[in-house]
């Protein structure tokens, strides 16, 4: 597991990282030593094509915003690679080529 590796391996950030991740568990009902991911999700129903592409663009821009890559298609696990006709790891399967708009 991720946290066991931090505890066992020489990790320069261990001294401040583990107490911080441990503090994130204080409010949890279940017993847990460390917490890495944020709680909950904020699911949204996609009603329009525009809203779909707004969210897809947001997902594609995440590695760019985090300065992991310069362009969305530079991220190996991004579906932007499929759109750019580059080699890709993940297959994108479209149900239809057009999204339906529900009003």
PDB file of N, CA and C in Angstrom:
ATOM      1  N   UNK A   1       0.831  -1.189   0.000  1.00  0.00           N
ATOM      2  CA  UNK A   1       0.000   0.000   0.000  1.00  0.00           C
ATOM      3  C   UNK A   1       0.875   1.252   0.000  1.00  0.00           C
ATOM      4  N   UNK A   2       0.323   2.328  -0.466  1.00  0.00           N
ATOM      5  CA  UNK A   2       1.026   3.596  -0.610  1.00  0.00           C
ATOM      6  C   UNK A   2       1.638   4.073   0.702  1.00  0.00           C
ATOM      7  N   UNK A   3       0.863   4.042   1.778  1.00  0.00           N
ATOM      8  CA  UNK A   3       1.336   4.592   3.039  1.00  0.00           C
ATOM      9  C   UNK A   3       2.403   3.718   3.679  1.00  0.00           C
ATOM     10  N   UNK A   4       2.291   2.416   3.518  1.00  0.00           N
ATOM     11  CA  UNK A   4       3.321   1.521   4.034  1.00  0.00           C
ATOM     12  C   UNK A   4       4.648   1.786   3.332  1.00  0.00           C
ATOM     13  N   UNK A   5       4.594   2.073   2.052  1.00  0.00           N
ATOM     14  CA  UNK A   5       5.810   2.371   1.313  1.00  0.00           C
ATOM     15  C   UNK A   5       6.452   3.650   1.851  1.00  0.00           C
ATOM     16  N   UNK A   6       5.658   4.656   2.148  1.00  0.00           N
ATOM     17  CA  UNK A   6       6.201   5.893   2.707  1.00  0.00           C
ATOM     18  C   UNK A   6       6.823   5.627   4.073  1.00  0.00           C
ATOM     19  N   UNK A   7       6.182   4.784   4.876  1.00  0.00           N
ATOM     20  CA  UNK A   7       6.716   4.476   6.200  1.00  0.00           C
ATOM     21  C   UNK A   7       8.019   3.690   6.116  1.00  0.00           C
ATOM     22  N   UNK A   8       8.148   2.803   5.124  1.00  0.00           N
ATOM     23  CA  UNK A   8       9.299   1.902   5.032  1.00  0.00           C
ATOM     24  C   UNK A   8      10.447   2.457   4.205  1.00  0.00           C
ATOM     25  N   UNK A   9      10.165   3.201   3.181  1.00  0.00           N
ATOM     26  CA  UNK A   9      11.202   3.687   2.273  1.00  0.00           C
ATOM     27  C   UNK A   9      11.700   5.054   2.726  1.00  0.00           C
ATOM     28  N   UNK A  10      12.937   5.376   2.378  1.00  0.00           N
ATOM     29  CA  UNK A  10      13.412   6.731   2.682  1.00  0.00           C
ATOM     30  C   UNK A  10      12.621   7.747   1.858  1.00  0.00           C
ATOM     31  N   UNK A  11      11.905   8.588   2.502  1.00  0.00           N
ATOM     32  CA  UNK A  11      11.035   9.560   1.841  1.00  0.00           C
ATOM     33  C   UNK A  11      11.260  10.900   2.525  1.00  0.00           C
ATOM     34  N   UNK A  12      11.728  11.865   1.781  1.00  0.00           N
ATOM     35  CA  UNK A  12      12.089  13.159   2.353  1.00  0.00           C
ATOM     36  C   UNK A  12      10.890  13.926   2.905  1.00  0.00           C
ATOM     37  N   UNK A  13       9.696  13.636   2.429  1.00  0.00           N
ATOM     38  CA  UNK A  13       8.510  14.382   2.877  1.00  0.00           C
ATOM     39  C   UNK A  13       7.744  13.674   3.986  1.00  0.00           C
ATOM     40  N   UNK A  14       8.242  12.533   4.431  1.00  0.00           N
ATOM     41  CA  UNK A  14       7.524  11.714   5.408  1.00  0.00           C
ATOM     42  C   UNK A  14       7.186  12.483   6.689  1.00  0.00           C
ATOM     43  N   UNK A  15       8.124  13.281   7.189  1.00  0.00           N
ATOM     44  CA  UNK A  15       7.948  13.950   8.481  1.00  0.00           C
ATOM     45  C   UNK A  15       6.746  14.885   8.514  1.00  0.00           C
ATOM     46  N   UNK A  16       6.429  15.534   7.435  1.00  0.00           N
ATOM     47  CA  UNK A  16       5.267  16.422   7.429  1.00  0.00           C
ATOM     48  C   UNK A  16       4.071  15.794   6.742  1.00  0.00           C
ATOM     49  N   UNK A  17       4.301  14.821   5.836  1.00  0.00           N
ATOM     50  CA  UNK A  17       3.201  14.244   5.065  1.00  0.00           C
ATOM     51  C   UNK A  17       2.328  13.307   5.900  1.00  0.00           C
ATOM     52  N   UNK A  18       2.929  12.386   6.624  1.00  0.00           N
ATOM     53  CA  UNK A  18       2.126  11.403   7.366  1.00  0.00           C
ATOM     54  C   UNK A  18       1.259  12.043   8.446  1.00  0.00           C
ATOM     55  N   UNK A  19       1.766  12.974   9.272  1.00  0.00           N
ATOM     56  CA  UNK A  19       0.859  13.620  10.231  1.00  0.00           C
ATOM     57  C   UNK A  19      -0.298  14.363   9.566  1.00  0.00           C
ATOM     58  N   UNK A  20      -0.022  14.998   8.440  1.00  0.00           N
ATOM     59  CA  UNK A  20      -1.084  15.711   7.720  1.00  0.00           C
ATOM     60  C   UNK A  20      -2.144  14.732   7.228  1.00  0.00           C
ATOM     61  N   UNK A  21      -1.719  13.627   6.613  1.00  0.00           N
ATOM     62  CA  UNK A  21      -2.669  12.636   6.104  1.00  0.00           C
ATOM     63  C   UNK A  21      -3.406  11.943   7.244  1.00  0.00           C
ATOM     64  N   UNK A  22      -2.755  11.810   8.382  1.00  0.00           N
ATOM     65  CA  UNK A  22      -3.416  11.229   9.556  1.00  0.00           C
ATOM     66  C   UNK A  22      -4.506  12.178  10.088  1.00  0.00           C
ATOM     67  N   UNK A  23      -4.224  13.469  10.099  1.00  0.00           N
ATOM     68  CA  UNK A  23      -5.207  14.453  10.579  1.00  0.00           C
ATOM     69  C   UNK A  23      -6.458  14.484   9.716  1.00  0.00           C
ATOM     70  N   UNK A  24      -6.342  14.130   8.458  1.00  0.00           N
ATOM     71  CA  UNK A  24      -7.503  14.101   7.579  1.00  0.00           C
ATOM     72  C   UNK A  24      -8.504  13.021   7.993  1.00  0.00           C
ATOM     73  N   UNK A  25      -8.103  12.094   8.861  1.00  0.00           N
ATOM     74  CA  UNK A  25      -8.972  10.990   9.278  1.00  0.00           C
ATOM     75  C   UNK A  25      -9.748  11.292  10.552  1.00  0.00           C
ATOM     76  N   UNK A  26      -9.472  12.402  11.198  1.00  0.00           N
ATOM     77  CA  UNK A  26     -10.074  12.689  12.505  1.00  0.00           C
ATOM     78  C   UNK A  26     -11.591  12.670  12.486  1.00  0.00           C
ATOM     79  N   UNK A  27     -12.220  13.120  11.420  1.00  0.00           N
ATOM     80  CA  UNK A  27     -13.680  13.223  11.354  1.00  0.00           C
ATOM     81  C   UNK A  27     -14.357  11.961  10.818  1.00  0.00           C
ATOM     82  N   UNK A  28     -13.584  10.988  10.378  1.00  0.00           N
ATOM     83  CA  UNK A  28     -14.161   9.796   9.765  1.00  0.00           C
ATOM     84  C   UNK A  28     -14.780   8.865  10.791  1.00  0.00           C
ATOM     85  N   UNK A  29     -15.876   8.226  10.419  1.00  0.00           N
ATOM     86  CA  UNK A  29     -16.536   7.273  11.308  1.00  0.00           C
ATOM     87  C   UNK A  29     -15.783   5.958  11.366  1.00  0.00           C
ATOM     88  N   UNK A  30     -15.284   5.496  10.224  1.00  0.00           N
ATOM     89  CA  UNK A  30     -14.554   4.236  10.225  1.00  0.00           C
ATOM     90  C   UNK A  30     -13.104   4.480  10.654  1.00  0.00           C
ATOM     91  N   UNK A  31     -12.538   3.466  11.254  1.00  0.00           N
ATOM     92  CA  UNK A  31     -11.171   3.592  11.734  1.00  0.00           C
ATOM     93  C   UNK A  31     -10.206   3.497  10.551  1.00  0.00           C
ATOM     94  N   UNK A  32      -9.389   4.504  10.400  1.00  0.00           N
ATOM     95  CA  UNK A  32      -8.475   4.592   9.273  1.00  0.00           C
ATOM     96  C   UNK A  32      -7.274   5.416   9.730  1.00  0.00           C
ATOM     97  N   UNK A  33      -6.076   4.961   9.369  1.00  0.00           N
ATOM     98  CA  UNK A  33      -4.883   5.665   9.837  1.00  0.00           C
ATOM     99  C   UNK A  33      -4.527   6.883   8.992  1.00  0.00           C
ATOM    100  N   UNK A  34      -4.675   6.740   7.663  1.00  0.00           N
ATOM    101  CA  UNK A  34      -4.332   7.835   6.760  1.00  0.00           C
ATOM    102  C   UNK A  34      -5.424   8.001   5.703  1.00  0.00           C
ATOM    103  N   UNK A  35      -5.548   9.222   5.217  1.00  0.00           N
ATOM    104  CA  UNK A  35      -6.503   9.498   4.153  1.00  0.00           C
ATOM    105  C   UNK A  35      -5.810  10.334   3.090  1.00  0.00           C
ATOM    106  N   UNK A  36      -5.919   9.866   1.853  1.00  0.00           N
ATOM    107  CA  UNK A  36      -5.230  10.529   0.753  1.00  0.00           C
ATOM    108  C   UNK A  36      -6.194  11.245  -0.183  1.00  0.00           C
ATOM    109  N   UNK A  37      -7.345  10.655  -0.463  1.00  0.00           N
ATOM    110  CA  UNK A  37      -8.298  11.228  -1.416  1.00  0.00           C
ATOM    111  C   UNK A  37      -9.323  12.082  -0.697  1.00  0.00           C
ATOM    112  N   UNK A  38      -9.851  13.075  -1.382  1.00  0.00           N
ATOM    113  CA  UNK A  38     -10.904  13.896  -0.798  1.00  0.00           C
ATOM    114  C   UNK A  38     -12.205  13.113  -0.745  1.00  0.00           C
ATOM    115  N   UNK A  39     -13.062  13.489   0.172  1.00  0.00           N
ATOM    116  CA  UNK A  39     -14.336  12.790   0.363  1.00  0.00           C
ATOM    117  C   UNK A  39     -15.368  13.236  -0.661  1.00  0.00           C
ATOM    118  N   UNK A  40     -16.238  12.297  -0.981  1.00  0.00           N
ATOM    119  CA  UNK A  40     -17.416  12.620  -1.770  1.00  0.00           C
ATOM    120  C   UNK A  40     -17.132  12.871  -3.238  1.00  0.00           C
ATOM    121  N   UNK A  41     -18.198  13.080  -3.939  1.00  0.00           N
ATOM    122  CA  UNK A  41     -18.111  13.471  -5.341  1.00  0.00           C
ATOM    123  C   UNK A  41     -19.254  14.432  -5.614  1.00  0.00           C
ATOM    124  N   UNK A  42     -19.168  15.087  -6.688  1.00  0.00           N
ATOM    125  CA  UNK A  42     -20.185  16.076  -7.051  1.00  0.00           C
ATOM    126  C   UNK A  42     -20.698  15.745  -8.452  1.00  0.00           C
ATOM    127  N   UNK A  43     -21.433  14.660  -8.534  1.00  0.00           N
ATOM    128  CA  UNK A  43     -21.927  14.185  -9.824  1.00  0.00           C
ATOM    129  C   UNK A  43     -22.869  15.204 -10.450  1.00  0.00           C
ATOM    130  N   UNK A  44     -22.727  15.356 -11.738  1.00  0.00           N
ATOM    131  CA  UNK A  44     -23.590  16.257 -12.508  1.00  0.00           C
ATOM    132  C   UNK A  44     -24.194  15.470 -13.657  1.00  0.00           C
ATOM    133  N   UNK A  45     -25.468  15.695 -13.911  1.00  0.00           N
ATOM    134  CA  UNK A  45     -26.127  15.082 -15.050  1.00  0.00           C
ATOM    135  C   UNK A  45     -25.780  15.924 -16.274  1.00  0.00           C
ATOM    136  N   UNK A  46     -25.372  15.255 -17.334  1.00  0.00           N
ATOM    137  CA  UNK A  46     -25.002  15.958 -18.562  1.00  0.00           C
ATOM    138  C   UNK A  46     -26.229  16.011 -19.469  1.00  0.00           C
ATOM    139  N   UNK A  47     -26.764  17.220 -19.639  1.00  0.00           N
ATOM    140  CA  UNK A  47     -27.971  17.406 -20.436  1.00  0.00           C
ATOM    141  C   UNK A  47     -27.686  17.915 -21.839  1.00  0.00           C
ATOM    142  N   UNK A  48     -26.541  18.570 -22.029  1.00  0.00           N
ATOM    143  CA  UNK A  48     -26.267  19.167 -23.336  1.00  0.00           C
ATOM    144  C   UNK A  48     -24.883  18.768 -23.832  1.00  0.00           C
ATOM    145  N   UNK A  49     -24.719  18.846 -25.123  1.00  0.00           N
ATOM    146  CA  UNK A  49     -23.423  18.584 -25.743  1.00  0.00           C
ATOM    147  C   UNK A  49     -22.393  19.604 -25.262  1.00  0.00           C
ATOM    148  N   UNK A  50     -22.803  20.837 -25.130  1.00  0.00           N
ATOM    149  CA  UNK A  50     -21.888  21.883 -24.683  1.00  0.00           C
ATOM    150  C   UNK A  50     -21.361  21.587 -23.276  1.00  0.00           C
ATOM    151  N   UNK A  51     -22.250  21.163 -22.390  1.00  0.00           N
ATOM    152  CA  UNK A  51     -21.844  20.842 -21.022  1.00  0.00           C
ATOM    153  C   UNK A  51     -20.889  19.654 -21.010  1.00  0.00           C
ATOM    154  N   UNK A  52     -21.147  18.649 -21.858  1.00  0.00           N
ATOM    155  CA  UNK A  52     -20.267  17.492 -21.968  1.00  0.00           C
ATOM    156  C   UNK A  52     -18.860  17.930 -22.359  1.00  0.00           C
ATOM    157  N   UNK A  53     -18.753  18.738 -23.406  1.00  0.00           N
ATOM    158  CA  UNK A  53     -17.436  19.156 -23.878  1.00  0.00           C
ATOM    159  C   UNK A  53     -16.753  20.119 -22.910  1.00  0.00           C
ATOM    160  N   UNK A  54     -17.530  20.881 -22.165  1.00  0.00           N
ATOM    161  CA  UNK A  54     -16.952  21.733 -21.119  1.00  0.00           C
ATOM    162  C   UNK A  54     -16.253  20.857 -20.070  1.00  0.00           C
ATOM    163  N   UNK A  55     -16.907  19.773 -19.642  1.00  0.00           N
ATOM    164  CA  UNK A  55     -16.335  18.874 -18.635  1.00  0.00           C
ATOM    165  C   UNK A  55     -15.176  18.059 -19.205  1.00  0.00           C
ATOM    166  N   UNK A  56     -15.297  17.633 -20.463  1.00  0.00           N
ATOM    167  CA  UNK A  56     -14.207  16.897 -21.095  1.00  0.00           C
ATOM    168  C   UNK A  56     -12.966  17.775 -21.205  1.00  0.00           C
ATOM    169  N   UNK A  57     -13.155  19.031 -21.593  1.00  0.00           N
ATOM    170  CA  UNK A  57     -12.038  19.967 -21.682  1.00  0.00           C
ATOM    171  C   UNK A  57     -11.402  20.169 -20.299  1.00  0.00           C
ATOM    172  N   UNK A  58     -12.233  20.266 -19.269  1.00  0.00           N
ATOM    173  CA  UNK A  58     -11.723  20.414 -17.904  1.00  0.00           C
ATOM    174  C   UNK A  58     -10.832  19.222 -17.532  1.00  0.00           C
ATOM    175  N   UNK A  59     -11.290  18.016 -17.847  1.00  0.00           N
ATOM    176  CA  UNK A  59     -10.519  16.806 -17.550  1.00  0.00           C
ATOM    177  C   UNK A  59      -9.207  16.817 -18.337  1.00  0.00           C
ATOM    178  N   UNK A  60      -9.274  17.181 -19.613  1.00  0.00           N
ATOM    179  CA  UNK A  60      -8.069  17.204 -20.441  1.00  0.00           C
ATOM    180  C   UNK A  60      -7.067  18.253 -19.955  1.00  0.00           C
ATOM    181  N   UNK A  61      -7.562  19.344 -19.386  1.00  0.00           N
ATOM    182  CA  UNK A  61      -6.671  20.421 -18.948  1.00  0.00           C
ATOM    183  C   UNK A  61      -6.024  20.166 -17.577  1.00  0.00           C
ATOM    184  N   UNK A  62      -6.537  19.203 -16.800  1.00  0.00           N
ATOM    185  CA  UNK A  62      -5.976  18.963 -15.467  1.00  0.00           C
ATOM    186  C   UNK A  62      -4.469  18.713 -15.468  1.00  0.00           C
ATOM    187  N   UNK A  63      -3.930  17.806 -16.294  1.00  0.00           N
ATOM    188  CA  UNK A  63      -2.479  17.605 -16.262  1.00  0.00           C
ATOM    189  C   UNK A  63      -1.694  18.826 -16.768  1.00  0.00           C
ATOM    190  N   UNK A  64      -2.329  19.657 -17.592  1.00  0.00           N
ATOM    191  CA  UNK A  64      -1.676  20.885 -18.051  1.00  0.00           C
ATOM    192  C   UNK A  64      -1.624  21.878 -16.895  1.00  0.00           C
ATOM    193  N   UNK A  65      -2.734  22.030 -16.178  1.00  0.00           N
ATOM    194  CA  UNK A  65      -2.784  22.941 -15.043  1.00  0.00           C
ATOM    195  C   UNK A  65      -1.799  22.535 -13.943  1.00  0.00           C
ATOM    196  N   UNK A  66      -1.612  21.235 -13.776  1.00  0.00           N
ATOM    197  CA  UNK A  66      -0.675  20.728 -12.768  1.00  0.00           C
ATOM    198  C   UNK A  66       0.760  20.711 -13.274  1.00  0.00           C
ATOM    199  N   UNK A  67       0.980  21.239 -14.484  1.00  0.00           N
ATOM    200  CA  UNK A  67       2.298  21.343 -15.111  1.00  0.00           C
ATOM    201  C   UNK A  67       2.990  19.985 -15.260  1.00  0.00           C
ATOM    202  N   UNK A  68       2.182  18.956 -15.538  1.00  0.00           N
ATOM    203  CA  UNK A  68       2.723  17.626 -15.815  1.00  0.00           C
ATOM    204  C   UNK A  68       3.105  17.553 -17.290  1.00  0.00           C
ATOM    205  N   UNK A  69       2.296  18.181 -18.138  1.00  0.00           N
ATOM    206  CA  UNK A  69       2.538  18.220 -19.581  1.00  0.00           C
ATOM    207  C   UNK A  69       2.246  19.629 -20.089  1.00  0.00           C
ATOM    208  N   UNK A  70       2.731  19.918 -21.290  1.00  0.00           N
ATOM    209  CA  UNK A  70       2.460  21.226 -21.889  1.00  0.00           C
ATOM    210  C   UNK A  70       1.114  21.279 -22.596  1.00  0.00           C
ATOM    211  N   UNK A  71       0.720  20.144 -23.193  1.00  0.00           N
ATOM    212  CA  UNK A  71      -0.544  20.059 -23.928  1.00  0.00           C
ATOM    213  C   UNK A  71      -1.312  18.838 -23.439  1.00  0.00           C
ATOM    214  N   UNK A  72      -2.642  18.851 -23.490  1.00  0.00           N
ATOM    215  CA  UNK A  72      -3.433  17.713 -23.001  1.00  0.00           C
ATOM    216  C   UNK A  72      -3.044  16.389 -23.639  1.00  0.00           C
ATOM    217  N   UNK A  73      -2.725  16.409 -24.932  1.00  0.00           N
ATOM    218  CA  UNK A  73      -2.387  15.155 -25.604  1.00  0.00           C
ATOM    219  C   UNK A  73      -1.015  14.619 -25.195  1.00  0.00           C
ATOM    220  N   UNK A  74      -0.268  15.386 -24.427  1.00  0.00           N
ATOM    221  CA  UNK A  74       1.021  14.920 -23.918  1.00  0.00           C
ATOM    222  C   UNK A  74       0.888  13.954 -22.752  1.00  0.00           C
ATOM    223  N   UNK A  75      -0.286  13.925 -22.120  1.00  0.00           N
ATOM    224  CA  UNK A  75      -0.512  13.042 -20.973  1.00  0.00           C
ATOM    225  C   UNK A  75      -0.902  11.659 -21.481  1.00  0.00           C
ATOM    226  N   UNK A  76      -0.107  10.657 -21.130  1.00  0.00           N
ATOM    227  CA  UNK A  76      -0.250   9.313 -21.678  1.00  0.00           C
ATOM    228  C   UNK A  76      -1.642   8.715 -21.475  1.00  0.00           C
ATOM    229  N   UNK A  77      -2.292   9.028 -20.355  1.00  0.00           N
ATOM    230  CA  UNK A  77      -3.581   8.414 -20.034  1.00  0.00           C
ATOM    231  C   UNK A  77      -4.768   9.316 -20.377  1.00  0.00           C
ATOM    232  N   UNK A  78      -4.580  10.265 -21.260  1.00  0.00           N
ATOM    233  CA  UNK A  78      -5.645  11.181 -21.639  1.00  0.00           C
ATOM    234  C   UNK A  78      -6.304  10.748 -22.946  1.00  0.00           C
ATOM    235  N   UNK A  79      -7.615  10.879 -23.000  1.00  0.00           N
ATOM    236  CA  UNK A  79      -8.318  10.603 -24.254  1.00  0.00           C
ATOM    237  C   UNK A  79      -8.027  11.685 -25.293  1.00  0.00           C
ATOM    238  N   UNK A  80      -7.395  12.772 -24.883  1.00  0.00           N
ATOM    239  CA  UNK A  80      -6.993  13.800 -25.843  1.00  0.00           C
ATOM    240  C   UNK A  80      -6.005  13.227 -26.855  1.00  0.00           C
ATOM    241  N   UNK A  81      -5.270  12.203 -26.467  1.00  0.00           N
ATOM    242  CA  UNK A  81      -4.341  11.539 -27.394  1.00  0.00           C
ATOM    243  C   UNK A  81      -5.106  10.888 -28.548  1.00  0.00           C
ATOM    244  N   UNK A  82      -6.254  10.311 -28.250  1.00  0.00           N
ATOM    245  CA  UNK A  82      -7.070   9.695 -29.293  1.00  0.00           C
ATOM    246  C   UNK A  82      -7.513  10.748 -30.297  1.00  0.00           C
ATOM    247  N   UNK A  83      -7.969  11.883 -29.794  1.00  0.00           N
ATOM    248  CA  UNK A  83      -8.433  12.966 -30.664  1.00  0.00           C
ATOM    249  C   UNK A  83      -7.302  13.520 -31.521  1.00  0.00           C
ATOM    250  N   UNK A  84      -6.072  13.517 -30.993  1.00  0.00           N
ATOM    251  CA  UNK A  84      -4.915  14.038 -31.718  1.00  0.00           C
ATOM    252  C   UNK A  84      -4.289  12.980 -32.625  1.00  0.00           C
ATOM    253  N   UNK A  85      -4.915  11.791 -32.664  1.00  0.00           N
ATOM    254  CA  UNK A  85      -4.451  10.670 -33.474  1.00  0.00           C
ATOM    255  C   UNK A  85      -3.020  10.269 -33.125  1.00  0.00           C
ATOM    256  N   UNK A  86      -2.711  10.275 -31.828  1.00  0.00           N
ATOM    257  CA  UNK A  86      -1.429   9.802 -31.309  1.00  0.00           C
ATOM    258  C   UNK A  86      -1.623   8.408 -30.737  1.00  0.00           C
ATOM    259  N   UNK A  87      -0.531   7.716 -30.489  1.00  0.00           N
ATOM    260  CA  UNK A  87      -0.664   6.413 -29.841  1.00  0.00           C
ATOM    261  C   UNK A  87      -1.289   6.628 -28.465  1.00  0.00           C
ATOM    262  N   UNK A  88      -2.084   5.675 -28.019  1.00  0.00           N
ATOM    263  CA  UNK A  88      -2.808   5.849 -26.769  1.00  0.00           C
ATOM    264  C   UNK A  88      -2.850   4.548 -25.992  1.00  0.00           C
ATOM    265  N   UNK A  89      -3.088   4.685 -24.688  1.00  0.00           N
ATOM    266  CA  UNK A  89      -3.175   3.537 -23.791  1.00  0.00           C
ATOM    267  C   UNK A  89      -4.629   3.130 -23.600  1.00  0.00           C
ATOM    268  N   UNK A  90      -5.523   4.104 -23.552  1.00  0.00           N
ATOM    269  CA  UNK A  90      -6.935   3.859 -23.279  1.00  0.00           C
ATOM    270  C   UNK A  90      -7.750   3.964 -24.554  1.00  0.00           C
ATOM    271  N   UNK A  91      -8.571   2.959 -24.803  1.00  0.00           N
ATOM    272  CA  UNK A  91      -9.481   3.011 -25.939  1.00  0.00           C
ATOM    273  C   UNK A  91     -10.685   3.876 -25.593  1.00  0.00           C
ATOM    274  N   UNK A  92     -11.088   4.711 -26.513  1.00  0.00           N
ATOM    275  CA  UNK A  92     -12.299   5.509 -26.348  1.00  0.00           C
ATOM    276  C   UNK A  92     -13.363   4.882 -27.227  1.00  0.00           C
ATOM    277  N   UNK A  93     -14.465   4.494 -26.607  1.00  0.00           N
ATOM    278  CA  UNK A  93     -15.565   3.870 -27.333  1.00  0.00           C
ATOM    279  C   UNK A  93     -16.758   4.816 -27.274  1.00  0.00           C
ATOM    280  N   UNK A  94     -17.179   5.295 -28.425  1.00  0.00           N
ATOM    281  CA  UNK A  94     -18.317   6.206 -28.485  1.00  0.00           C
ATOM    282  C   UNK A  94     -19.589   5.413 -28.741  1.00  0.00           C
ATOM    283  N   UNK A  95     -20.601   5.676 -27.954  1.00  0.00           N
ATOM    284  CA  UNK A  95     -21.907   5.053 -28.185  1.00  0.00           C
ATOM    285  C   UNK A  95     -22.520   5.591 -29.465  1.00  0.00           C
ATOM    286  N   UNK A  96     -22.470   6.895 -29.612  1.00  0.00           N
ATOM    287  CA  UNK A  96     -22.922   7.547 -30.833  1.00  0.00           C
ATOM    288  C   UNK A  96     -21.959   8.690 -31.103  1.00  0.00           C
ATOM    289  N   UNK A  97     -21.936   9.179 -32.313  1.00  0.00           N
ATOM    290  CA  UNK A  97     -21.059  10.291 -32.636  1.00  0.00           C
ATOM    291  C   UNK A  97     -21.682  11.623 -32.264  1.00  0.00           C
ATOM    292  N   UNK A  98     -22.977  11.622 -32.030  1.00  0.00           N
ATOM    293  CA  UNK A  98     -23.652  12.842 -31.632  1.00  0.00           C
ATOM    294  C   UNK A  98     -24.303  12.634 -30.287  1.00  0.00           C
ATOM    295  N   UNK A  99     -24.155  13.612 -29.430  1.00  0.00           N
ATOM    296  CA  UNK A  99     -24.839  13.546 -28.141  1.00  0.00           C
ATOM    297  C   UNK A  99     -26.230  14.134 -28.301  1.00  0.00           C
ATOM    298  N   UNK A 100     -27.165  13.564 -27.623  1.00  0.00           N
ATOM    299  CA  UNK A 100     -28.533  14.067 -27.680  1.00  0.00           C
ATOM    300  C   UNK A 100     -28.689  15.185 -26.665  1.00  0.00           C
ATOM    301  N   UNK A 101     -29.490  16.156 -26.971  1.00  0.00           N
ATOM    302  CA  UNK A 101     -29.776  17.248 -26.056  1.00  0.00           C
ATOM    303  C   UNK A 101     -31.145  17.023 -25.434  1.00  0.00           C
ATOM    304  N   UNK A 102     -31.182  16.982 -24.110  1.00  0.00           N
ATOM    305  CA  UNK A 102     -32.446  16.794 -23.386  1.00  0.00           C
ATOM    306  C   UNK A 102     -32.820  18.096 -22.723  1.00  0.00           C
ATOM    307  N   UNK A 103     -34.024  18.548 -22.965  1.00  0.00           N
ATOM    308  CA  UNK A 103     -34.468  19.808 -22.379  1.00  0.00           C
ATOM    309  C   UNK A 103     -35.725  19.573 -21.573  1.00  0.00           C
TER     310      UNK A 103
END
